[in-house]
Amino acid sequence: MLSRISAVRAIPRAFATRSYVTGRTEGSVAQSKGFNKKEKAHEGMRLLLEQLEKLRAQIKAKQAEIDSLEKQHDELEQSAKKN
C-alpha cells in the first residue's frame, strides 16, 4: 500500500516553445528592399501633401489680402472721382 502512494508518477506536460530564426525568413516584409522603398515613397508623398496644404493656405491668405487691397483701391478711386 505504501509503495503505491510513494511512487512518483510522471505527469505529462505540454510546453509550447517558439523557435526563432536569426536569418531572413519567407514573408519577411519589413526587411525587404521593396518595402523600404515603398515606405520612403509614402513618407515623401505625405511630406509633399503637407507642403501643398501649407501653400494652399498661404495662397488663400494672400488672395484675401489682395481682395482687401482692391476694395480699398476702389473706395479711393470713388472718393477721388467725387472730389
PDB file of N, CA and C in Angstrom:
ATOM      1  N   MET A   1       0.815  -1.186   0.000  1.00  0.00           N
ATOM      2  CA  MET A   1       0.000   0.000   0.000  1.00  0.00           C
ATOM      3  C   MET A   1       0.859   1.250   0.000  1.00  0.00           C
ATOM      4  N   LEU A   2       1.858   1.253   0.843  1.00  0.00           N
ATOM      5  CA  LEU A   2       2.732   2.407   0.934  1.00  0.00           C
ATOM      6  C   LEU A   2       3.503   2.622  -0.358  1.00  0.00           C
ATOM      7  N   SER A   3       3.874   1.560  -1.019  1.00  0.00           N
ATOM      8  CA  SER A   3       4.615   1.700  -2.267  1.00  0.00           C
ATOM      9  C   SER A   3       3.771   2.345  -3.357  1.00  0.00           C
ATOM     10  N   ARG A   4       2.502   2.115  -3.336  1.00  0.00           N
ATOM     11  CA  ARG A   4       1.639   2.744  -4.334  1.00  0.00           C
ATOM     12  C   ARG A   4       1.534   4.240  -4.096  1.00  0.00           C
ATOM     13  N   ILE A   5       1.524   4.663  -2.852  1.00  0.00           N
ATOM     14  CA  ILE A   5       1.373   6.079  -2.530  1.00  0.00           C
ATOM     15  C   ILE A   5       2.673   6.833  -2.779  1.00  0.00           C
ATOM     16  N   SER A   6       3.792   6.239  -2.419  1.00  0.00           N
ATOM     17  CA  SER A   6       5.057   6.948  -2.518  1.00  0.00           C
ATOM     18  C   SER A   6       5.674   6.904  -3.910  1.00  0.00           C
ATOM     19  N   ALA A   7       5.113   6.162  -4.792  1.00  0.00           N
ATOM     20  CA  ALA A   7       5.657   6.084  -6.144  1.00  0.00           C
ATOM     21  C   ALA A   7       5.427   7.412  -6.868  1.00  0.00           C
ATOM     22  N   VAL A   8       6.452   7.880  -7.482  1.00  0.00           N
ATOM     23  CA  VAL A   8       6.379   9.144  -8.215  1.00  0.00           C
ATOM     24  C   VAL A   8       5.835   8.867  -9.602  1.00  0.00           C
ATOM     25  N   ARG A   9       4.810   9.580  -9.932  1.00  0.00           N
ATOM     26  CA  ARG A   9       4.214   9.399 -11.243  1.00  0.00           C
ATOM     27  C   ARG A   9       4.641  10.564 -12.136  1.00  0.00           C
ATOM     28  N   ALA A  10       4.988  10.235 -13.304  1.00  0.00           N
ATOM     29  CA  ALA A  10       5.377  11.270 -14.263  1.00  0.00           C
ATOM     30  C   ALA A  10       4.119  11.912 -14.830  1.00  0.00           C
ATOM     31  N   ILE A  11       4.037  13.190 -14.659  1.00  0.00           N
ATOM     32  CA  ILE A  11       2.889  13.920 -15.177  1.00  0.00           C
ATOM     33  C   ILE A  11       3.283  14.496 -16.535  1.00  0.00           C
ATOM     34  N   PRO A  12       2.568  14.142 -17.560  1.00  0.00           N
ATOM     35  CA  PRO A  12       2.924  14.688 -18.878  1.00  0.00           C
ATOM     36  C   PRO A  12       2.612  16.189 -18.935  1.00  0.00           C
ATOM     37  N   ARG A  13       3.560  16.925 -19.395  1.00  0.00           N
ATOM     38  CA  ARG A  13       3.387  18.372 -19.521  1.00  0.00           C
ATOM     39  C   ARG A  13       3.597  18.769 -20.975  1.00  0.00           C
ATOM     40  N   ALA A  14       2.814  19.700 -21.381  1.00  0.00           N
ATOM     41  CA  ALA A  14       2.945  20.200 -22.753  1.00  0.00           C
ATOM     42  C   ALA A  14       3.575  21.589 -22.689  1.00  0.00           C
ATOM     43  N   PHE A  15       4.708  21.720 -23.306  1.00  0.00           N
ATOM     44  CA  PHE A  15       5.382  23.013 -23.343  1.00  0.00           C
ATOM     45  C   PHE A  15       5.281  23.582 -24.751  1.00  0.00           C
ATOM     46  N   ALA A  16       4.880  24.803 -24.800  1.00  0.00           N
ATOM     47  CA  ALA A  16       4.843  25.474 -26.097  1.00  0.00           C
ATOM     48  C   ALA A  16       6.142  26.247 -26.243  1.00  0.00           C
ATOM     49  N   THR A  17       6.897  25.885 -27.215  1.00  0.00           N
ATOM     50  CA  THR A  17       8.155  26.585 -27.449  1.00  0.00           C
ATOM     51  C   THR A  17       8.094  27.266 -28.795  1.00  0.00           C
ATOM     52  N   ARG A  18       8.708  28.405 -28.855  1.00  0.00           N
ATOM     53  CA  ARG A  18       8.753  29.162 -30.098  1.00  0.00           C
ATOM     54  C   ARG A  18      10.201  29.180 -30.567  1.00  0.00           C
ATOM     55  N   SER A  19      10.404  28.783 -31.769  1.00  0.00           N
ATOM     56  CA  SER A  19      11.757  28.797 -32.300  1.00  0.00           C
ATOM     57  C   SER A  19      11.945  30.066 -33.128  1.00  0.00           C
ATOM     58  N   TYR A  20      13.052  30.708 -32.927  1.00  0.00           N
ATOM     59  CA  TYR A  20      13.366  31.943 -33.627  1.00  0.00           C
ATOM     60  C   TYR A  20      14.462  31.693 -34.650  1.00  0.00           C
ATOM     61  N   VAL A  21      14.307  32.324 -35.776  1.00  0.00           N
ATOM     62  CA  VAL A  21      15.291  32.202 -36.835  1.00  0.00           C
ATOM     63  C   VAL A  21      15.987  33.551 -36.943  1.00  0.00           C
ATOM     64  N   THR A  22      17.311  33.529 -36.937  1.00  0.00           N
ATOM     65  CA  THR A  22      18.045  34.787 -36.978  1.00  0.00           C
ATOM     66  C   THR A  22      18.158  35.353 -38.382  1.00  0.00           C
ATOM     67  N   GLY A  23      18.085  34.519 -39.388  1.00  0.00           N
ATOM     68  CA  GLY A  23      18.206  34.983 -40.768  1.00  0.00           C
ATOM     69  C   GLY A  23      16.871  35.421 -41.332  1.00  0.00           C
ATOM     70  N   ARG A  24      16.892  35.766 -42.598  1.00  0.00           N
ATOM     71  CA  ARG A  24      15.651  36.146 -43.275  1.00  0.00           C
ATOM     72  C   ARG A  24      14.751  34.935 -43.434  1.00  0.00           C
ATOM     73  N   THR A  25      13.485  35.174 -43.275  1.00  0.00           N
ATOM     74  CA  THR A  25      12.526  34.092 -43.457  1.00  0.00           C
ATOM     75  C   THR A  25      11.587  34.459 -44.592  1.00  0.00           C
ATOM     76  N   GLU A  26      10.902  33.491 -45.089  1.00  0.00           N
ATOM     77  CA  GLU A  26       9.930  33.717 -46.157  1.00  0.00           C
ATOM     78  C   GLU A  26       8.810  34.593 -45.618  1.00  0.00           C
ATOM     79  N   GLY A  27       8.485  35.643 -46.340  1.00  0.00           N
ATOM     80  CA  GLY A  27       7.421  36.539 -45.908  1.00  0.00           C
ATOM     81  C   GLY A  27       7.919  37.665 -45.028  1.00  0.00           C
ATOM     82  N   SER A  28       9.215  37.789 -44.866  1.00  0.00           N
ATOM     83  CA  SER A  28       9.768  38.868 -44.060  1.00  0.00           C
ATOM     84  C   SER A  28       9.652  40.163 -44.840  1.00  0.00           C
ATOM     85  N   VAL A  29       8.652  40.958 -44.514  1.00  0.00           N
ATOM     86  CA  VAL A  29       8.339  42.143 -45.305  1.00  0.00           C
ATOM     87  C   VAL A  29       9.164  43.341 -44.864  1.00  0.00           C
ATOM     88  N   ALA A  30       9.360  43.494 -43.571  1.00  0.00           N
ATOM     89  CA  ALA A  30       9.985  44.707 -43.058  1.00  0.00           C
ATOM     90  C   ALA A  30      11.441  44.842 -43.488  1.00  0.00           C
ATOM     91  N   GLN A  31      12.089  43.756 -43.818  1.00  0.00           N
ATOM     92  CA  GLN A  31      13.494  43.829 -44.170  1.00  0.00           C
ATOM     93  C   GLN A  31      13.729  43.856 -45.674  1.00  0.00           C
ATOM     94  N   SER A  32      12.695  43.721 -46.429  1.00  0.00           N
ATOM     95  CA  SER A  32      12.889  43.674 -47.873  1.00  0.00           C
ATOM     96  C   SER A  32      13.121  45.069 -48.424  1.00  0.00           C
ATOM     97  N   LYS A  33      13.851  45.153 -49.506  1.00  0.00           N
ATOM     98  CA  LYS A  33      14.170  46.441 -50.121  1.00  0.00           C
ATOM     99  C   LYS A  33      12.935  47.103 -50.698  1.00  0.00           C
ATOM    100  N   GLY A  34      12.051  46.321 -51.245  1.00  0.00           N
ATOM    101  CA  GLY A  34      10.828  46.866 -51.824  1.00  0.00           C
ATOM    102  C   GLY A  34       9.978  47.560 -50.783  1.00  0.00           C
ATOM    103  N   PHE A  35       9.910  46.990 -49.602  1.00  0.00           N
ATOM    104  CA  PHE A  35       9.132  47.606 -48.526  1.00  0.00           C
ATOM    105  C   PHE A  35       9.750  48.935 -48.123  1.00  0.00           C
ATOM    106  N   ASN A  36      11.082  48.977 -48.006  1.00  0.00           N
ATOM    107  CA  ASN A  36      11.757  50.218 -47.621  1.00  0.00           C
ATOM    108  C   ASN A  36      11.524  51.308 -48.655  1.00  0.00           C
ATOM    109  N   LYS A  37      11.599  50.961 -49.925  1.00  0.00           N
ATOM    110  CA  LYS A  37      11.361  51.947 -50.982  1.00  0.00           C
ATOM    111  C   LYS A  37       9.929  52.448 -50.936  1.00  0.00           C
ATOM    112  N   LYS A  38       9.012  51.530 -50.725  1.00  0.00           N
ATOM    113  CA  LYS A  38       7.598  51.903 -50.667  1.00  0.00           C
ATOM    114  C   LYS A  38       7.336  52.804 -49.462  1.00  0.00           C
ATOM    115  N   GLU A  39       7.938  52.467 -48.335  1.00  0.00           N
ATOM    116  CA  GLU A  39       7.757  53.271 -47.124  1.00  0.00           C
ATOM    117  C   GLU A  39       8.329  54.677 -47.316  1.00  0.00           C
ATOM    118  N   LYS A  40       9.504  54.777 -47.932  1.00  0.00           N
ATOM    119  CA  LYS A  40      10.099  56.093 -48.203  1.00  0.00           C
ATOM    120  C   LYS A  40       9.244  56.887 -49.174  1.00  0.00           C
ATOM    121  N   ALA A  41       8.681  56.214 -50.144  1.00  0.00           N
ATOM    122  CA  ALA A  41       7.821  56.895 -51.111  1.00  0.00           C
ATOM    123  C   ALA A  41       6.568  57.432 -50.430  1.00  0.00           C
ATOM    124  N   HIS A  42       5.978  56.643 -49.553  1.00  0.00           N
ATOM    125  CA  HIS A  42       4.792  57.102 -48.828  1.00  0.00           C
ATOM    126  C   HIS A  42       5.132  58.279 -47.919  1.00  0.00           C
ATOM    127  N   GLU A  43       6.274  58.208 -47.260  1.00  0.00           N
ATOM    128  CA  GLU A  43       6.697  59.297 -46.379  1.00  0.00           C
ATOM    129  C   GLU A  43       6.939  60.565 -47.187  1.00  0.00           C
ATOM    130  N   GLY A  44       7.609  60.427 -48.327  1.00  0.00           N
ATOM    131  CA  GLY A  44       7.847  61.584 -49.190  1.00  0.00           C
ATOM    132  C   GLY A  44       6.552  62.177 -49.706  1.00  0.00           C
ATOM    133  N   MET A  45       5.607  61.326 -50.072  1.00  0.00           N
ATOM    134  CA  MET A  45       4.314  61.810 -50.560  1.00  0.00           C
ATOM    135  C   MET A  45       3.563  62.543 -49.460  1.00  0.00           C
ATOM    136  N   ARG A  46       3.633  62.017 -48.242  1.00  0.00           N
ATOM    137  CA  ARG A  46       2.959  62.664 -47.117  1.00  0.00           C
ATOM    138  C   ARG A  46       3.551  64.050 -46.865  1.00  0.00           C
ATOM    139  N   LEU A  47       4.867  64.164 -46.925  1.00  0.00           N
ATOM    140  CA  LEU A  47       5.513  65.461 -46.727  1.00  0.00           C
ATOM    141  C   LEU A  47       5.131  66.439 -47.831  1.00  0.00           C
ATOM    142  N   LEU A  48       5.089  65.959 -49.065  1.00  0.00           N
ATOM    143  CA  LEU A  48       4.692  66.827 -50.176  1.00  0.00           C
ATOM    144  C   LEU A  48       3.253  67.304 -50.027  1.00  0.00           C
ATOM    145  N   LEU A  49       2.379  66.425 -49.581  1.00  0.00           N
ATOM    146  CA  LEU A  49       0.982  66.814 -49.383  1.00  0.00           C
ATOM    147  C   LEU A  49       0.843  67.842 -48.262  1.00  0.00           C
ATOM    148  N   GLU A  50       1.653  67.697 -47.208  1.00  0.00           N
ATOM    149  CA  GLU A  50       1.632  68.689 -46.132  1.00  0.00           C
ATOM    150  C   GLU A  50       2.109  70.042 -46.646  1.00  0.00           C
ATOM    151  N   GLN A  51       3.179  70.050 -47.436  1.00  0.00           N
ATOM    152  CA  GLN A  51       3.679  71.302 -48.004  1.00  0.00           C
ATOM    153  C   GLN A  51       2.649  71.918 -48.935  1.00  0.00           C
ATOM    154  N   LEU A  52       1.993  71.100 -49.720  1.00  0.00           N
ATOM    155  CA  LEU A  52       0.964  71.585 -50.634  1.00  0.00           C
ATOM    156  C   LEU A  52      -0.184  72.221 -49.864  1.00  0.00           C
ATOM    157  N   GLU A  53      -0.573  71.604 -48.770  1.00  0.00           N
ATOM    158  CA  GLU A  53      -1.656  72.154 -47.943  1.00  0.00           C
ATOM    159  C   GLU A  53      -1.247  73.502 -47.345  1.00  0.00           C
ATOM    160  N   LYS A  54       0.007  73.623 -46.899  1.00  0.00           N
ATOM    161  CA  LYS A  54       0.501  74.897 -46.368  1.00  0.00           C
ATOM    162  C   LYS A  54       0.496  75.964 -47.453  1.00  0.00           C
ATOM    163  N   LEU A  55       0.940  75.596 -48.654  1.00  0.00           N
ATOM    164  CA  LEU A  55       0.962  76.556 -49.756  1.00  0.00           C
ATOM    165  C   LEU A  55      -0.450  77.003 -50.128  1.00  0.00           C
ATOM    166  N   ARG A  56      -1.392  76.077 -50.113  1.00  0.00           N
ATOM    167  CA  ARG A  56      -2.778  76.442 -50.416  1.00  0.00           C
ATOM    168  C   ARG A  56      -3.321  77.419 -49.376  1.00  0.00           C
ATOM    169  N   ALA A  57      -2.965  77.205 -48.111  1.00  0.00           N
ATOM    170  CA  ALA A  57      -3.400  78.121 -47.056  1.00  0.00           C
ATOM    171  C   ALA A  57      -2.775  79.499 -47.258  1.00  0.00           C
ATOM    172  N   GLN A  58      -1.501  79.537 -47.651  1.00  0.00           N
ATOM    173  CA  GLN A  58      -0.838  80.814 -47.914  1.00  0.00           C
ATOM    174  C   GLN A  58      -1.477  81.519 -49.100  1.00  0.00           C
ATOM    175  N   ILE A  59      -1.805  80.783 -50.142  1.00  0.00           N
ATOM    176  CA  ILE A  59      -2.455  81.370 -51.322  1.00  0.00           C
ATOM    177  C   ILE A  59      -3.801  81.956 -50.935  1.00  0.00           C
ATOM    178  N   LYS A  60      -4.540  81.233 -50.119  1.00  0.00           N
ATOM    179  CA  LYS A  60      -5.851  81.715 -49.684  1.00  0.00           C
ATOM    180  C   LYS A  60      -5.705  83.006 -48.876  1.00  0.00           C
ATOM    181  N   ALA A  61      -4.715  83.066 -47.992  1.00  0.00           N
ATOM    182  CA  ALA A  61      -4.481  84.271 -47.192  1.00  0.00           C
ATOM    183  C   ALA A  61      -4.073  85.440 -48.083  1.00  0.00           C
ATOM    184  N   LYS A  62      -3.204  85.194 -49.048  1.00  0.00           N
ATOM    185  CA  LYS A  62      -2.768  86.263 -49.960  1.00  0.00           C
ATOM    186  C   LYS A  62      -3.924  86.739 -50.829  1.00  0.00           C
ATOM    187  N   GLN A  63      -4.787  85.819 -51.244  1.00  0.00           N
ATOM    188  CA  GLN A  63      -5.941  86.206 -52.054  1.00  0.00           C
ATOM    189  C   GLN A  63      -6.879  87.100 -51.246  1.00  0.00           C
ATOM    190  N   ALA A  64      -7.057  86.784 -49.965  1.00  0.00           N
ATOM    191  CA  ALA A  64      -7.881  87.627 -49.097  1.00  0.00           C
ATOM    192  C   ALA A  64      -7.248  89.005 -48.947  1.00  0.00           C
ATOM    193  N   GLU A  65      -5.928  89.054 -48.844  1.00  0.00           N
ATOM    194  CA  GLU A  65      -5.221  90.335 -48.741  1.00  0.00           C
ATOM    195  C   GLU A  65      -5.387  91.134 -50.031  1.00  0.00           C
ATOM    196  N   ILE A  66      -5.279  90.477 -51.172  1.00  0.00           N
ATOM    197  CA  ILE A  66      -5.456  91.152 -52.468  1.00  0.00           C
ATOM    198  C   ILE A  66      -6.871  91.702 -52.588  1.00  0.00           C
ATOM    199  N   ASP A  67      -7.862  90.912 -52.189  1.00  0.00           N
ATOM    200  CA  ASP A  67      -9.252  91.372 -52.244  1.00  0.00           C
ATOM    201  C   ASP A  67      -9.448  92.610 -51.377  1.00  0.00           C
ATOM    202  N   SER A  68      -8.844  92.603 -50.200  1.00  0.00           N
ATOM    203  CA  SER A  68      -8.950  93.755 -49.303  1.00  0.00           C
ATOM    204  C   SER A  68      -8.303  94.989 -49.923  1.00  0.00           C
ATOM    205  N   LEU A  69      -7.133  94.822 -50.520  1.00  0.00           N
ATOM    206  CA  LEU A  69      -6.439  95.954 -51.147  1.00  0.00           C
ATOM    207  C   LEU A  69      -7.211  96.473 -52.358  1.00  0.00           C
ATOM    208  N   GLU A  70      -7.807  95.581 -53.140  1.00  0.00           N
ATOM    209  CA  GLU A  70      -8.609  96.016 -54.286  1.00  0.00           C
ATOM    210  C   GLU A  70      -9.836  96.797 -53.825  1.00  0.00           C
ATOM    211  N   LYS A  71     -10.420  96.373 -52.731  1.00  0.00           N
ATOM    212  CA  LYS A  71     -11.571  97.086 -52.182  1.00  0.00           C
ATOM    213  C   LYS A  71     -11.157  98.492 -51.739  1.00  0.00           C
ATOM    214  N   GLN A  72     -10.019  98.592 -51.062  1.00  0.00           N
ATOM    215  CA  GLN A  72      -9.513  99.909 -50.649  1.00  0.00           C
ATOM    216  C   GLN A  72      -9.221 100.776 -51.871  1.00  0.00           C
ATOM    217  N   HIS A  73      -8.657 100.173 -52.909  1.00  0.00           N
ATOM    218  CA  HIS A  73      -8.335 100.909 -54.124  1.00  0.00           C
ATOM    219  C   HIS A  73      -9.603 101.451 -54.776  1.00  0.00           C
ATOM    220  N   ASP A  74     -10.632 100.625 -54.858  1.00  0.00           N
ATOM    221  CA  ASP A  74     -11.905 101.055 -55.444  1.00  0.00           C
ATOM    222  C   ASP A  74     -12.527 102.191 -54.636  1.00  0.00           C
ATOM    223  N   GLU A  75     -12.456 102.086 -53.314  1.00  0.00           N
ATOM    224  CA  GLU A  75     -13.001 103.145 -52.459  1.00  0.00           C
ATOM    225  C   GLU A  75     -12.248 104.450 -52.668  1.00  0.00           C
ATOM    226  N   LEU A  76     -10.926 104.370 -52.796  1.00  0.00           N
ATOM    227  CA  LEU A  76     -10.130 105.582 -53.025  1.00  0.00           C
ATOM    228  C   LEU A  76     -10.424 106.180 -54.401  1.00  0.00           C
ATOM    229  N   GLU A  77     -10.611 105.336 -55.398  1.00  0.00           N
ATOM    230  CA  GLU A  77     -10.950 105.833 -56.735  1.00  0.00           C
ATOM    231  C   GLU A  77     -12.298 106.545 -56.727  1.00  0.00           C
ATOM    232  N   GLN A  78     -13.274 105.967 -56.045  1.00  0.00           N
ATOM    233  CA  GLN A  78     -14.600 106.577 -55.981  1.00  0.00           C
ATOM    234  C   GLN A  78     -14.560 107.896 -55.219  1.00  0.00           C
ATOM    235  N   SER A  79     -13.781 107.953 -54.142  1.00  0.00           N
ATOM    236  CA  SER A  79     -13.693 109.212 -53.394  1.00  0.00           C
ATOM    237  C   SER A  79     -12.933 110.265 -54.195  1.00  0.00           C
ATOM    238  N   ALA A  80     -11.986 109.853 -55.034  1.00  0.00           N
ATOM    239  CA  ALA A  80     -11.240 110.805 -55.861  1.00  0.00           C
ATOM    240  C   ALA A  80     -12.127 111.348 -56.973  1.00  0.00           C
ATOM    241  N   LYS A  81     -13.026 110.527 -57.514  1.00  0.00           N
ATOM    242  CA  LYS A  81     -13.938 110.974 -58.564  1.00  0.00           C
ATOM    243  C   LYS A  81     -14.947 111.979 -58.023  1.00  0.00           C
ATOM    244  N   LYS A  82     -15.356 111.817 -56.768  1.00  0.00           N
ATOM    245  CA  LYS A  82     -16.323 112.724 -56.166  1.00  0.00           C
ATOM    246  C   LYS A  82     -15.714 114.099 -55.932  1.00  0.00           C
ATOM    247  N   ASN A  83     -14.455 114.157 -55.662  1.00  0.00           N
ATOM    248  CA  ASN A  83     -13.815 115.454 -55.377  1.00  0.00           C
ATOM    249  C   ASN A  83     -13.417 116.118 -56.618  1.00  0.00           C
TER     250      ASN A  83
END
